[in-house]
Structures are given as structure tokens and as C-alpha cells.
Amino acid sequence: MVEFSGFLGLLLLVLVIYAIVKTVQSGASTGTKVLWIIILLLIPFIGFILWLLLGPKGGANTI
């Protein structure tokens, strides 16, 4: 298992928080949002990469 500490750990934390916020703001279904948040929390590094490639795109509809 890879362990991140110091600056890399802080950077990963910021990126995961960003991904969670963008996921919550997306127009995806609630189930999809919950699944992505769980993935990001349980496996942050791999989860973030997967989120970048496969995660929900776009923001919530604002009319």
C-alpha cells in the first residue's frame, strides 16, 4: 500500500476534496454521487484518477 505524507499527502487531500465537491455539484443521480464519494474516501489516489477519467461531468442545472 502506498502511503502519502507531507506535501504529497496534503495535495492528495485537496484533490480528493475538490473531486467530492464537484461530484456533489454534478447533475448525476444521488446513488452515483454516493458511490463516487465512497470510492474517493476509501481509495483516494486510485479513486481520484478514476474520477478524472470516468466521474460525473458537468454542474447542476441552474435556471
N, C-alpha and C. Protein backbone atom coordinates (compact mmCIF):
# COMPACT_ATOMS: atom_id res chain seq x y z
N MET A 1 0.85 -1.19 0.00
CA MET A 1 0.00 0.00 0.00
C MET A 1 0.89 1.24 0.00
N VAL A 2 0.54 2.19 -0.82
CA VAL A 2 1.31 3.43 -0.91
C VAL A 2 0.79 4.40 0.13
N GLU A 3 1.72 5.02 0.84
CA GLU A 3 1.35 5.99 1.86
C GLU A 3 1.88 7.35 1.46
N PHE A 4 1.02 8.35 1.51
CA PHE A 4 1.41 9.70 1.17
C PHE A 4 1.52 10.52 2.44
N SER A 5 2.60 11.29 2.55
CA SER A 5 2.74 12.16 3.71
C SER A 5 3.36 13.48 3.25
N GLY A 6 3.35 14.43 4.13
CA GLY A 6 3.92 15.74 3.81
C GLY A 6 3.13 16.45 2.73
N PHE A 7 3.87 17.06 1.81
CA PHE A 7 3.26 17.86 0.76
C PHE A 7 2.38 17.02 -0.15
N LEU A 8 2.83 15.82 -0.52
CA LEU A 8 2.02 14.97 -1.41
C LEU A 8 0.71 14.55 -0.74
N GLY A 9 0.76 14.29 0.55
CA GLY A 9 -0.46 13.95 1.28
C GLY A 9 -1.44 15.11 1.30
N LEU A 10 -0.92 16.30 1.52
CA LEU A 10 -1.78 17.50 1.52
C LEU A 10 -2.36 17.74 0.14
N LEU A 11 -1.55 17.57 -0.89
CA LEU A 11 -2.02 17.75 -2.26
C LEU A 11 -3.12 16.74 -2.59
N LEU A 12 -2.92 15.49 -2.21
CA LEU A 12 -3.94 14.47 -2.46
C LEU A 12 -5.23 14.80 -1.71
N LEU A 13 -5.12 15.27 -0.47
CA LEU A 13 -6.30 15.65 0.30
C LEU A 13 -7.08 16.76 -0.40
N VAL A 14 -6.38 17.77 -0.88
CA VAL A 14 -7.03 18.88 -1.58
C VAL A 14 -7.71 18.38 -2.85
N LEU A 15 -7.04 17.50 -3.60
CA LEU A 15 -7.62 16.99 -4.84
C LEU A 15 -8.86 16.14 -4.57
N VAL A 16 -8.83 15.33 -3.52
CA VAL A 16 -9.99 14.49 -3.19
C VAL A 16 -11.16 15.36 -2.73
N ILE A 17 -10.89 16.38 -1.93
CA ILE A 17 -11.95 17.29 -1.50
C ILE A 17 -12.56 18.00 -2.72
N TYR A 18 -11.71 18.43 -3.64
CA TYR A 18 -12.19 19.06 -4.88
C TYR A 18 -13.10 18.10 -5.64
N ALA A 19 -12.67 16.85 -5.78
CA ALA A 19 -13.46 15.86 -6.51
C ALA A 19 -14.80 15.61 -5.82
N ILE A 20 -14.81 15.56 -4.51
CA ILE A 20 -16.06 15.35 -3.77
C ILE A 20 -17.01 16.53 -3.99
N VAL A 21 -16.49 17.74 -3.90
CA VAL A 21 -17.34 18.93 -4.10
C VAL A 21 -17.91 18.95 -5.51
N LYS A 22 -17.07 18.67 -6.52
CA LYS A 22 -17.55 18.66 -7.90
C LYS A 22 -18.56 17.54 -8.13
N THR A 23 -18.39 16.42 -7.46
CA THR A 23 -19.34 15.31 -7.58
C THR A 23 -20.68 15.71 -7.00
N VAL A 24 -20.68 16.33 -5.83
CA VAL A 24 -21.92 16.76 -5.19
C VAL A 24 -22.64 17.80 -6.07
N GLN A 25 -21.89 18.66 -6.74
CA GLN A 25 -22.47 19.70 -7.58
C GLN A 25 -22.92 19.18 -8.94
N SER A 26 -22.54 17.97 -9.30
CA SER A 26 -22.86 17.44 -10.62
C SER A 26 -24.35 17.11 -10.73
N GLY A 27 -24.78 16.87 -11.93
CA GLY A 27 -26.17 16.53 -12.18
C GLY A 27 -26.43 15.03 -12.10
N ALA A 28 -25.49 14.26 -11.60
CA ALA A 28 -25.63 12.81 -11.52
C ALA A 28 -26.69 12.44 -10.48
N SER A 29 -27.15 11.20 -10.55
CA SER A 29 -28.15 10.73 -9.58
C SER A 29 -27.52 10.61 -8.19
N THR A 30 -28.35 10.58 -7.18
CA THR A 30 -27.87 10.50 -5.81
C THR A 30 -27.05 9.24 -5.57
N GLY A 31 -27.49 8.12 -6.12
CA GLY A 31 -26.77 6.87 -5.95
C GLY A 31 -25.37 6.94 -6.55
N THR A 32 -25.26 7.55 -7.72
CA THR A 32 -23.96 7.70 -8.37
C THR A 32 -23.05 8.61 -7.56
N LYS A 33 -23.60 9.69 -7.04
CA LYS A 33 -22.81 10.60 -6.21
C LYS A 33 -22.27 9.89 -4.98
N VAL A 34 -23.13 9.13 -4.30
CA VAL A 34 -22.73 8.41 -3.09
C VAL A 34 -21.63 7.40 -3.43
N LEU A 35 -21.79 6.69 -4.53
CA LEU A 35 -20.79 5.69 -4.93
C LEU A 35 -19.44 6.35 -5.19
N TRP A 36 -19.41 7.47 -5.90
CA TRP A 36 -18.15 8.15 -6.17
C TRP A 36 -17.51 8.68 -4.89
N ILE A 37 -18.31 9.21 -3.99
CA ILE A 37 -17.76 9.73 -2.73
C ILE A 37 -17.16 8.59 -1.91
N ILE A 38 -17.82 7.45 -1.86
CA ILE A 38 -17.28 6.30 -1.13
C ILE A 38 -15.95 5.84 -1.76
N ILE A 39 -15.91 5.78 -3.09
CA ILE A 39 -14.67 5.38 -3.77
C ILE A 39 -13.56 6.37 -3.46
N LEU A 40 -13.86 7.66 -3.51
CA LEU A 40 -12.84 8.68 -3.23
C LEU A 40 -12.34 8.62 -1.80
N LEU A 41 -13.20 8.27 -0.86
CA LEU A 41 -12.78 8.20 0.54
C LEU A 41 -12.01 6.92 0.86
N LEU A 42 -12.40 5.81 0.24
CA LEU A 42 -11.76 4.53 0.56
C LEU A 42 -10.43 4.34 -0.17
N ILE A 43 -10.33 4.76 -1.41
CA ILE A 43 -9.09 4.62 -2.17
C ILE A 43 -8.78 5.96 -2.85
N PRO A 44 -8.27 6.91 -2.08
CA PRO A 44 -8.15 8.29 -2.57
C PRO A 44 -7.33 8.44 -3.85
N PHE A 45 -6.15 7.87 -3.94
CA PHE A 45 -5.29 8.09 -5.10
C PHE A 45 -5.90 7.47 -6.36
N ILE A 46 -6.19 6.19 -6.30
CA ILE A 46 -6.78 5.50 -7.45
C ILE A 46 -8.18 6.04 -7.72
N GLY A 47 -8.93 6.33 -6.65
CA GLY A 47 -10.27 6.88 -6.81
C GLY A 47 -10.27 8.21 -7.52
N PHE A 48 -9.29 9.07 -7.21
CA PHE A 48 -9.22 10.37 -7.89
C PHE A 48 -8.92 10.20 -9.37
N ILE A 49 -8.00 9.29 -9.69
CA ILE A 49 -7.67 9.04 -11.10
C ILE A 49 -8.90 8.50 -11.84
N LEU A 50 -9.60 7.56 -11.22
CA LEU A 50 -10.82 7.02 -11.83
C LEU A 50 -11.86 8.12 -11.99
N TRP A 51 -11.98 8.97 -10.99
CA TRP A 51 -12.96 10.07 -11.05
C TRP A 51 -12.63 11.01 -12.22
N LEU A 52 -11.33 11.30 -12.41
CA LEU A 52 -10.94 12.16 -13.53
C LEU A 52 -11.34 11.54 -14.87
N LEU A 53 -11.17 10.23 -14.98
CA LEU A 53 -11.43 9.56 -16.25
C LEU A 53 -12.91 9.22 -16.45
N LEU A 54 -13.59 8.81 -15.38
CA LEU A 54 -14.93 8.24 -15.53
C LEU A 54 -16.02 8.96 -14.73
N GLY A 55 -15.64 9.90 -13.91
CA GLY A 55 -16.59 10.53 -12.98
C GLY A 55 -17.64 11.37 -13.67
N PRO A 56 -18.66 11.78 -12.90
CA PRO A 56 -19.73 12.60 -13.45
C PRO A 56 -19.20 13.94 -13.93
N LYS A 57 -19.67 14.36 -15.07
CA LYS A 57 -19.22 15.62 -15.67
C LYS A 57 -20.35 16.65 -15.59
N GLY A 58 -19.95 17.91 -15.59
CA GLY A 58 -20.94 18.99 -15.63
C GLY A 58 -21.47 19.35 -14.27
N GLY A 59 -21.97 20.55 -14.17
CA GLY A 59 -22.52 21.05 -12.92
C GLY A 59 -24.03 20.84 -12.86
N ALA A 60 -24.58 21.21 -11.74
CA ALA A 60 -26.03 21.12 -11.57
C ALA A 60 -26.71 22.15 -12.48
N ASN A 61 -27.88 21.83 -12.90
CA ASN A 61 -28.63 22.75 -13.78
C ASN A 61 -29.09 23.95 -12.97
N THR A 62 -28.73 25.13 -13.43
CA THR A 62 -29.17 26.36 -12.76
C THR A 62 -30.00 27.17 -13.73
N ILE A 63 -31.28 27.28 -13.42
CA ILE A 63 -32.19 28.01 -14.29
C ILE A 63 -32.81 29.15 -13.52
